[in-house]
Amino acid sequence: MTQVDKAESGPDSLTADGEGTRPAGRSGPGPWKRGPVLSACALLLGLLLLLHRQLTDWAGMGSLVETFLPWFGLFAAVLLAGTLWRRSASSAVALLLPVTVWLNHFGGLLGDKSHQAGDLTVVSHNVAAENRDPAGTARDLAASGADLLALEELTAQAKGTYEKELAKAYPHHVVQDTVGLWSKLPLSGTRPVDPPWGTAGSPAARPRHDGIPVDPLRALRTTVATEKGPLVVYVAHLGSVRLMPRGGFWTDSRDSDATKLAKAVAADHSARRLLLGDFNGTLDDRALNGLTSQLRSVQDVAGDGFGFSWPAKFPVARIDHILVRGVEPKSAWLLPATGSDHRPVAAGINW
């Protein structure tokens, strides 16, 4: 072979057996062999989204994952960027699993499903015990024009302020422990869902799990007299959750309250039921299965986006909910932030 022949038989030429040699500058595995780590991560992410209910709840791990489940879609976006950078065909195919599962679970929340205002407008708000401006919060809530206002985390000091500021717009109201309902319509048959423990609910009488006092179920049941018939309303504030240095995500108090509330709702055979409150958990959390199996979320049916309500400055989770049965959700939205660390949630419902 001459010198010219050698030059012409460069990196793009065919070998004797008819196969081409790899072009210069394109060394390494092909697109189907690139990014094995990306592919593995995509498959693991997809399985996590698909089988999160099977994840162990040891140290509250399952509840913690389910609280922030929508945000796992960001990991898919990161993996997609890595896939494009590596030009990996295998990881692109693997990404179809988490993307499909995420869209199937949360895709319905991406659009605006709200319609016209309903026959009845309801608002639920954890007003926060640390709220420095309860009067301003009360005025903001009254300005919403809601027919029903459910308030959680009322303190003894702030209760009088809310009663005074809301008296003109809401002539009817009931309070049990730290939850209350203000209404433009008459109320009757009010009672606590779970009677307080101890003689006066003193901290010394509170049951404890792992040395931590368990919050009581702060919830009431009342009946609203509407033009179209009675509407049973529950207002609830489930127990707190905590991130413990040694115990992980502590949910005993919240889980216990959720079970009690679910049993109370199941035993209630009223045709129209409405549940408002701070659940200290998202509806993806397994601890709330007893409630979500009986009631529908207005946000899922008629909301605009995810409706994250906490924390108010940069919401990352919807832990404040409005659930219904026997009525039709028409719209669901968030109200502007108040002096609380929660955003108020609102909904319009029809018979």
Protein backbone atom coordinates (compact mmCIF):
# COMPACT_ATOMS: atom_id res chain seq x y z
CA MET A 1 0.00 0.00 0.00
CA THR A 2 1.36 3.37 -0.96
CA GLN A 3 1.56 6.38 1.31
CA VAL A 4 -1.47 7.88 -0.44
CA ASP A 5 -3.44 4.66 0.08
CA LYS A 6 -2.69 4.80 3.81
CA ALA A 7 -3.93 8.37 4.05
CA GLU A 8 -7.15 7.52 2.26
CA SER A 9 -7.84 4.56 4.52
CA GLY A 10 -8.53 6.94 7.47
CA PRO A 11 -10.79 6.50 10.48
CA ASP A 12 -14.01 6.56 8.42
CA SER A 13 -12.95 3.85 5.97
CA LEU A 14 -14.30 0.28 5.83
CA THR A 15 -12.28 -2.64 7.08
CA ALA A 16 -11.88 -5.85 5.13
CA ASP A 17 -14.95 -7.41 6.79
CA GLY A 18 -17.13 -4.43 5.78
CA GLU A 19 -17.48 -2.79 9.25
CA GLY A 20 -16.61 0.86 9.65
CA THR A 21 -14.05 2.05 12.12
CA ARG A 22 -15.08 4.59 14.81
CA PRO A 23 -14.78 8.24 13.68
CA ALA A 24 -12.02 10.24 15.28
CA GLY A 25 -13.11 12.03 18.49
CA ARG A 26 -16.02 9.61 19.11
CA SER A 27 -14.42 7.10 21.40
CA GLY A 28 -16.34 5.38 24.20
CA PRO A 29 -19.54 3.32 24.42
CA GLY A 30 -22.50 3.81 22.14
CA PRO A 31 -25.71 5.64 23.14
CA TRP A 32 -27.34 2.46 24.49
CA LYS A 33 -24.38 1.75 26.76
CA ARG A 34 -23.88 5.27 28.08
CA GLY A 35 -25.24 6.46 31.41
CA PRO A 36 -25.84 3.19 33.29
CA VAL A 37 -25.99 5.10 36.57
CA LEU A 38 -28.56 7.51 35.12
CA SER A 39 -30.66 4.58 33.94
CA ALA A 40 -30.51 2.90 37.33
CA CYS A 41 -31.49 6.13 39.12
CA ALA A 42 -34.40 6.69 36.73
CA LEU A 43 -35.72 3.18 37.35
CA LEU A 44 -35.36 3.55 41.12
CA LEU A 45 -37.18 6.88 41.00
CA GLY A 46 -39.98 5.35 38.98
CA LEU A 47 -40.33 2.45 41.39
CA LEU A 48 -40.38 4.83 44.35
CA LEU A 49 -43.19 6.87 42.80
CA LEU A 50 -45.08 3.74 41.81
CA LEU A 51 -44.65 1.77 45.04
CA HIS A 52 -44.36 4.50 47.67
CA ARG A 53 -47.21 2.90 49.62
CA GLN A 54 -45.00 -0.16 50.09
CA LEU A 55 -42.14 1.87 51.53
CA THR A 56 -41.54 1.11 55.18
CA ASP A 57 -42.88 3.68 57.62
CA TRP A 58 -40.09 2.98 60.08
CA ALA A 59 -39.22 6.27 61.80
CA GLY A 60 -41.96 7.88 59.69
CA MET A 61 -39.94 7.43 56.50
CA GLY A 62 -42.98 6.54 54.42
CA SER A 63 -44.94 9.58 55.59
CA LEU A 64 -41.99 11.88 55.02
CA VAL A 65 -41.57 10.71 51.43
CA GLU A 66 -45.30 10.99 50.75
CA THR A 67 -45.44 14.50 52.20
CA PHE A 68 -43.11 15.78 49.49
CA LEU A 69 -44.02 13.28 46.76
CA PRO A 70 -44.89 15.90 44.09
CA TRP A 71 -41.40 17.36 44.38
CA PHE A 72 -39.83 14.09 43.29
CA GLY A 73 -40.68 15.19 39.78
CA LEU A 74 -37.70 17.55 40.05
CA PHE A 75 -35.39 14.54 40.24
CA ALA A 76 -36.77 13.42 36.89
CA ALA A 77 -35.88 16.83 35.46
CA VAL A 78 -32.32 16.52 36.81
CA LEU A 79 -32.00 13.04 35.32
CA LEU A 80 -33.29 14.33 31.99
CA ALA A 81 -30.58 17.01 31.95
CA GLY A 82 -27.97 14.34 32.64
CA THR A 83 -29.45 12.14 29.92
CA LEU A 84 -29.21 14.90 27.34
CA TRP A 85 -25.67 15.72 28.37
CA ARG A 86 -24.57 12.09 28.15
CA ARG A 87 -26.72 11.43 25.05
CA SER A 88 -27.82 8.21 26.66
CA ALA A 89 -30.58 6.34 24.87
CA SER A 90 -30.94 3.79 27.67
CA SER A 91 -31.53 6.39 30.39
CA ALA A 92 -33.98 8.22 28.11
CA VAL A 93 -36.07 5.05 27.89
CA ALA A 94 -35.70 4.40 31.65
CA LEU A 95 -36.96 7.94 32.35
CA LEU A 96 -40.29 7.04 30.77
CA LEU A 97 -41.21 5.13 33.95
CA PRO A 98 -40.94 7.97 36.53
CA VAL A 99 -42.33 10.57 34.11
CA THR A 100 -45.36 8.41 33.27
CA VAL A 101 -46.06 7.55 36.91
CA TRP A 102 -45.66 11.18 38.04
CA LEU A 103 -47.96 12.50 35.30
CA ASN A 104 -50.53 9.82 36.05
CA HIS A 105 -50.51 10.77 39.73
CA PHE A 106 -50.10 14.56 39.57
CA GLY A 107 -50.75 15.55 35.98
CA GLY A 108 -54.38 16.32 36.75
CA LEU A 109 -53.28 19.03 39.18
CA LEU A 110 -51.28 20.99 36.61
CA GLY A 111 -54.25 22.75 35.04
CA ASP A 112 -57.02 24.95 36.38
CA LYS A 113 -60.17 22.87 36.95
CA SER A 114 -62.14 25.53 38.79
CA HIS A 115 -65.46 26.79 37.47
CA GLN A 116 -67.93 29.40 38.63
CA ALA A 117 -68.41 30.10 42.31
CA GLY A 118 -70.58 27.54 44.10
CA ASP A 119 -73.77 27.85 46.10
CA LEU A 120 -71.68 27.99 49.27
CA THR A 121 -68.17 29.38 49.78
CA VAL A 122 -66.08 27.89 52.57
CA VAL A 123 -62.66 28.79 53.96
CA SER A 124 -60.33 26.92 56.29
CA HIS A 125 -57.36 28.58 57.96
CA ASN A 126 -54.85 27.66 60.65
CA VAL A 127 -54.54 31.14 62.14
CA ALA A 128 -51.41 30.16 64.14
CA ALA A 129 -50.99 30.54 67.86
CA GLU A 130 -48.01 32.83 67.22
CA ASN A 131 -50.02 35.17 64.98
CA ARG A 132 -49.17 38.73 66.02
CA ASP A 133 -52.11 40.29 64.20
CA PRO A 134 -55.25 38.22 64.82
CA ALA A 135 -57.46 41.25 64.20
CA GLY A 136 -55.92 41.77 60.77
CA THR A 137 -56.26 38.07 59.99
CA ALA A 138 -59.94 38.18 60.99
CA ARG A 139 -60.58 41.18 58.75
CA ASP A 140 -58.80 39.51 55.81
CA LEU A 141 -60.88 36.38 56.21
CA ALA A 142 -64.14 38.32 56.49
CA ALA A 143 -63.24 40.19 53.31
CA SER A 144 -63.23 36.89 51.43
CA GLY A 145 -67.03 36.84 51.66
CA ALA A 146 -67.05 33.16 52.61
CA ASP A 147 -70.26 31.72 54.06
CA LEU A 148 -68.32 29.48 56.45
CA LEU A 149 -64.98 30.14 58.13
CA ALA A 150 -63.21 27.25 59.85
CA LEU A 151 -60.37 28.37 62.11
CA GLU A 152 -57.73 26.19 63.71
CA GLU A 153 -55.13 26.84 66.40
CA LEU A 154 -57.21 29.41 68.25
CA THR A 155 -55.62 30.49 71.50
CA ALA A 156 -57.56 31.61 74.56
CA GLN A 157 -56.06 35.08 74.18
CA ALA A 158 -56.95 35.46 70.49
CA LYS A 159 -60.42 33.88 70.65
CA GLY A 160 -62.05 37.09 71.85
CA THR A 161 -60.41 39.07 69.06
CA TYR A 162 -61.80 36.77 66.38
CA GLU A 163 -65.24 36.81 67.98
CA LYS A 164 -65.26 40.60 68.02
CA GLU A 165 -63.89 41.14 64.50
CA LEU A 166 -66.10 38.50 62.86
CA ALA A 167 -69.33 39.18 64.79
CA LYS A 168 -70.86 41.52 62.20
CA ALA A 169 -70.30 39.33 59.14
CA TYR A 170 -70.82 36.01 60.94
CA PRO A 171 -73.63 36.08 63.49
CA HIS A 172 -73.27 32.37 64.28
CA HIS A 173 -70.15 30.68 65.62
CA VAL A 174 -69.03 27.74 67.73
CA VAL A 175 -65.67 26.95 69.32
CA GLN A 176 -64.41 23.67 70.78
CA ASP A 177 -60.94 23.67 72.30
CA THR A 178 -58.73 25.34 69.64
CA VAL A 179 -61.00 24.93 66.58
CA GLY A 180 -64.03 26.97 65.62
CA LEU A 181 -66.55 27.64 62.88
CA TRP A 182 -67.98 31.05 61.99
CA SER A 183 -71.10 31.01 59.84
CA LYS A 184 -73.57 33.31 58.12
CA LEU A 185 -76.13 30.54 58.53
CA PRO A 186 -77.58 29.04 61.73
CA LEU A 187 -75.68 26.24 63.49
CA SER A 188 -77.00 23.47 65.69
CA GLY A 189 -76.02 20.22 67.38
CA THR A 190 -72.40 21.19 67.97
CA ARG A 191 -70.24 18.69 69.84
CA PRO A 192 -66.60 17.64 70.07
CA VAL A 193 -65.64 14.70 67.88
CA ASP A 194 -63.43 13.15 70.56
CA PRO A 195 -64.05 14.13 74.20
CA PRO A 196 -60.99 15.72 75.85
CA TRP A 197 -58.79 13.43 77.88
CA GLY A 198 -58.23 13.98 81.57
CA THR A 199 -60.35 16.25 83.71
CA ALA A 200 -59.42 19.47 81.95
CA GLY A 201 -57.00 18.44 79.28
CA SER A 202 -54.03 19.23 81.48
CA PRO A 203 -50.59 18.35 80.08
CA ALA A 204 -50.03 15.95 82.99
CA ALA A 205 -53.01 13.87 81.83
CA ARG A 206 -51.88 13.61 78.22
CA PRO A 207 -50.87 10.16 76.95
CA ARG A 208 -47.33 9.89 75.70
CA HIS A 209 -45.61 8.00 72.89
CA ASP A 210 -41.85 7.56 73.18
CA GLY A 211 -41.81 10.19 75.88
CA ILE A 212 -43.54 12.81 73.70
CA PRO A 213 -46.98 14.13 74.73
CA VAL A 214 -49.64 13.12 72.20
CA ASP A 215 -51.85 15.98 71.05
CA PRO A 216 -55.59 15.44 71.51
CA LEU A 217 -57.89 15.37 68.50
CA ARG A 218 -59.05 18.95 68.28
CA ALA A 219 -62.22 18.59 66.24
CA LEU A 220 -65.89 19.57 66.30
CA ARG A 221 -69.02 18.51 64.47
CA THR A 222 -71.91 20.86 63.81
CA THR A 223 -74.86 21.19 61.43
CA VAL A 224 -75.36 24.19 59.16
CA ALA A 225 -78.93 25.04 58.19
CA THR A 226 -78.91 25.97 54.49
CA GLU A 227 -81.75 26.77 52.11
CA LYS A 228 -81.25 23.36 50.49
CA GLY A 229 -81.12 21.32 53.65
CA PRO A 230 -78.72 20.48 56.49
CA LEU A 231 -74.98 20.31 55.92
CA VAL A 232 -72.86 18.49 58.49
CA VAL A 233 -69.51 20.23 58.98
CA TYR A 234 -66.41 18.92 60.73
CA VAL A 235 -63.55 21.23 61.67
CA ALA A 236 -60.35 19.46 62.71
CA HIS A 237 -56.74 20.07 63.64
CA LEU A 238 -54.77 16.82 63.71
CA GLY A 239 -51.75 16.35 65.93
CA SER A 240 -48.34 17.75 65.15
CA VAL A 241 -45.52 15.97 63.35
CA ARG A 242 -41.90 16.46 64.29
CA LEU A 243 -38.47 15.78 62.87
CA MET A 244 -36.64 14.12 65.74
CA PRO A 245 -32.82 13.99 65.93
CA ARG A 246 -32.94 10.30 66.83
CA GLY A 247 -36.48 9.21 66.09
CA GLY A 248 -36.87 10.34 62.49
CA PHE A 249 -40.21 11.74 61.34
CA TRP A 250 -42.49 11.45 64.40
CA THR A 251 -46.16 11.12 63.38
CA ASP A 252 -47.78 9.13 66.22
CA SER A 253 -49.99 11.97 67.35
CA ARG A 254 -51.18 12.89 63.86
CA ASP A 255 -51.79 9.26 62.88
CA SER A 256 -53.80 8.56 66.02
CA ASP A 257 -55.99 11.61 65.41
CA ALA A 258 -56.51 10.69 61.77
CA THR A 259 -57.78 7.25 62.80
CA LYS A 260 -60.22 8.72 65.33
CA LEU A 261 -61.52 11.27 62.86
CA ALA A 262 -61.94 8.69 60.09
CA LYS A 263 -63.98 6.49 62.45
CA ALA A 264 -66.21 9.42 63.40
CA VAL A 265 -66.82 10.33 59.76
CA ALA A 266 -67.53 6.69 58.87
CA ALA A 267 -70.12 6.44 61.65
CA ASP A 268 -71.87 9.58 60.37
CA HIS A 269 -74.48 8.72 57.75
CA SER A 270 -75.50 12.28 56.94
CA ALA A 271 -76.17 12.86 53.25
CA ARG A 272 -73.96 15.95 52.98
CA ARG A 273 -70.67 16.20 54.83
CA LEU A 274 -67.88 18.75 54.81
CA LEU A 275 -64.51 18.39 56.54
CA LEU A 276 -62.19 21.37 56.89
CA GLY A 277 -58.94 21.69 58.75
CA ASP A 278 -55.21 21.40 59.20
CA PHE A 279 -54.31 17.72 58.85
CA ASN A 280 -50.55 18.15 59.28
CA GLY A 281 -50.14 15.89 56.27
CA THR A 282 -50.79 15.75 52.55
CA LEU A 283 -53.48 13.55 51.02
CA ASP A 284 -50.76 11.29 49.61
CA ASP A 285 -49.81 10.37 53.18
CA ARG A 286 -50.92 6.85 54.03
CA ALA A 287 -52.04 7.99 57.49
CA LEU A 288 -54.97 9.83 55.88
CA ASN A 289 -56.23 6.86 53.84
CA GLY A 290 -59.17 6.45 56.20
CA LEU A 291 -60.38 9.95 55.32
CA THR A 292 -59.56 10.03 51.61
CA SER A 293 -61.37 6.72 51.09
CA GLN A 294 -64.60 8.35 52.29
CA LEU A 295 -64.33 11.97 51.16
CA ARG A 296 -63.19 13.85 48.06
CA SER A 297 -60.66 16.65 48.02
CA VAL A 298 -61.97 19.87 46.47
CA GLN A 299 -58.44 20.67 45.32
CA ASP A 300 -58.18 17.43 43.35
CA VAL A 301 -61.59 17.88 41.75
CA ALA A 302 -61.81 21.62 41.16
CA GLY A 303 -58.50 23.23 42.09
CA ASP A 304 -55.94 25.37 40.33
CA GLY A 305 -52.53 23.71 40.53
CA PHE A 306 -51.17 21.97 43.61
CA GLY A 307 -52.55 24.46 46.10
CA PHE A 308 -49.59 24.24 48.50
CA SER A 309 -50.57 25.97 51.74
CA TRP A 310 -47.57 25.64 54.07
CA PRO A 311 -45.35 27.39 54.95
CA ALA A 312 -46.96 30.66 53.91
CA LYS A 313 -43.78 32.39 52.70
CA PHE A 314 -42.75 29.55 50.39
CA PRO A 315 -45.40 26.80 50.35
CA VAL A 316 -44.07 23.32 49.64
CA ALA A 317 -46.97 21.12 50.81
CA ARG A 318 -50.74 21.22 51.08
CA ILE A 319 -51.53 20.21 54.64
CA ASP A 320 -54.72 22.30 54.92
CA HIS A 321 -57.68 20.60 53.30
CA ILE A 322 -61.34 20.79 52.41
CA LEU A 323 -62.96 17.38 51.85
CA VAL A 324 -66.57 16.75 50.85
CA ARG A 325 -69.19 14.08 50.38
CA GLY A 326 -72.69 14.53 49.00
CA VAL A 327 -71.93 17.95 47.50
CA GLU A 328 -70.16 18.96 44.30
CA PRO A 329 -66.87 20.96 44.38
CA LYS A 330 -66.93 23.73 41.79
CA SER A 331 -63.76 25.65 42.57
CA ALA A 332 -60.83 25.66 44.98
CA TRP A 333 -58.16 28.29 45.54
CA LEU A 334 -55.74 29.85 48.02
CA LEU A 335 -56.35 33.17 49.73
CA PRO A 336 -53.55 35.72 50.29
CA ALA A 337 -51.24 35.14 53.23
CA THR A 338 -52.20 36.54 56.63
CA GLY A 339 -50.21 36.79 59.84
CA SER A 340 -50.17 32.99 60.04
CA ASP A 341 -47.54 30.54 58.80
CA HIS A 342 -50.32 28.82 56.78
CA ARG A 343 -52.20 30.09 53.73
CA PRO A 344 -56.02 30.03 53.92
CA VAL A 345 -57.67 27.51 51.60
CA ALA A 346 -61.08 28.18 50.02
CA ALA A 347 -63.65 26.33 47.96
CA GLY A 348 -67.00 26.83 46.30
CA ILE A 349 -69.45 23.91 46.49
CA ASN A 350 -72.82 23.13 44.89
CA TRP A 351 -75.60 20.79 45.87
